[in-house]
Amino acid sequence: MTEQRSGTVAEFDAHVGLGVVRDDDGSSWPFHCTAIADGSRRIETGTRVSYRVTPGLGRWEAWELTPR
């Protein structure tokens, strides 16, 4: 799954650097703060993003999150 997808940041815990993107189709993908494309390592809940889904450590994860 490498196609560009769209969704909204549903959760993000800046303290641990973990979050969840809810896709426009209803599926959810976890992400780590290092997956934020601009390198900021922070993103607000509710932010619309484009991203890709990639294999992570034992699961699929959102990657290259870019605010829209």
Protein backbone atom coordinates (compact mmCIF):
# COMPACT_ATOMS: atom_id res chain seq x y z
CA MET A 1 0.00 0.00 0.00
CA THR A 2 1.99 2.97 -1.17
CA GLU A 3 -0.71 5.13 -2.75
CA GLN A 4 -1.36 8.60 -1.32
CA ARG A 5 -4.26 8.61 1.13
CA SER A 6 -6.20 11.32 2.98
CA GLY A 7 -7.45 11.49 6.53
CA THR A 8 -7.52 13.33 9.84
CA VAL A 9 -5.25 13.05 12.88
CA ALA A 10 -7.63 11.43 15.38
CA GLU A 11 -5.16 11.17 18.28
CA PHE A 12 -1.66 12.39 19.05
CA ASP A 13 0.28 12.13 22.31
CA ALA A 14 3.27 14.47 22.02
CA HIS A 15 4.82 13.08 25.21
CA VAL A 16 5.29 9.59 23.74
CA GLY A 17 5.26 10.65 20.06
CA LEU A 18 2.47 8.30 18.98
CA GLY A 19 -0.75 9.03 17.15
CA VAL A 20 -3.52 7.67 14.96
CA VAL A 21 -4.76 8.86 11.56
CA ARG A 22 -8.39 8.11 10.68
CA ASP A 23 -8.66 7.61 6.93
CA ASP A 24 -11.53 9.09 4.92
CA ASP A 25 -12.72 5.49 4.35
CA GLY A 26 -12.98 4.92 8.13
CA SER A 27 -9.86 2.82 8.67
CA SER A 28 -7.28 3.88 11.28
CA TRP A 29 -3.49 3.81 11.03
CA PRO A 30 -1.01 4.37 13.87
CA PHE A 31 2.02 6.61 13.36
CA HIS A 32 5.15 7.75 15.18
CA CYS A 33 6.17 11.41 15.31
CA THR A 34 9.11 10.66 12.99
CA ALA A 35 6.55 9.96 10.23
CA ILE A 36 5.58 13.66 10.07
CA ALA A 37 7.08 14.80 6.76
CA ASP A 38 8.22 18.30 7.80
CA GLY A 39 10.33 16.92 10.66
CA SER A 40 8.48 18.91 13.34
CA ARG A 41 7.57 15.79 15.39
CA ARG A 42 4.32 17.49 16.48
CA ILE A 43 0.89 17.66 14.88
CA GLU A 44 -2.46 18.80 16.22
CA THR A 45 -5.43 16.47 16.61
CA GLY A 46 -7.98 17.30 13.91
CA THR A 47 -5.37 18.23 11.28
CA ARG A 48 -6.23 17.04 7.75
CA VAL A 49 -3.29 15.16 6.28
CA SER A 50 -2.20 13.23 3.23
CA TYR A 51 -0.02 10.19 3.91
CA ARG A 52 1.09 6.78 2.76
CA VAL A 53 0.66 3.43 4.51
CA THR A 54 3.80 1.33 4.95
CA PRO A 55 4.80 -1.82 6.83
CA GLY A 56 6.01 -1.02 10.35
CA LEU A 57 7.14 -3.17 13.24
CA GLY A 58 4.58 -5.95 13.07
CA ARG A 59 1.79 -3.76 11.66
CA TRP A 60 0.96 -1.28 8.92
CA GLU A 61 1.55 2.39 9.79
CA ALA A 62 0.90 5.85 8.38
CA TRP A 63 4.06 7.48 6.95
CA GLU A 64 5.01 10.82 5.35
CA LEU A 65 2.15 12.71 7.02
CA THR A 66 1.77 16.06 5.30
CA PRO A 67 -0.75 18.66 6.56
CA ARG A 68 -3.15 19.77 3.81
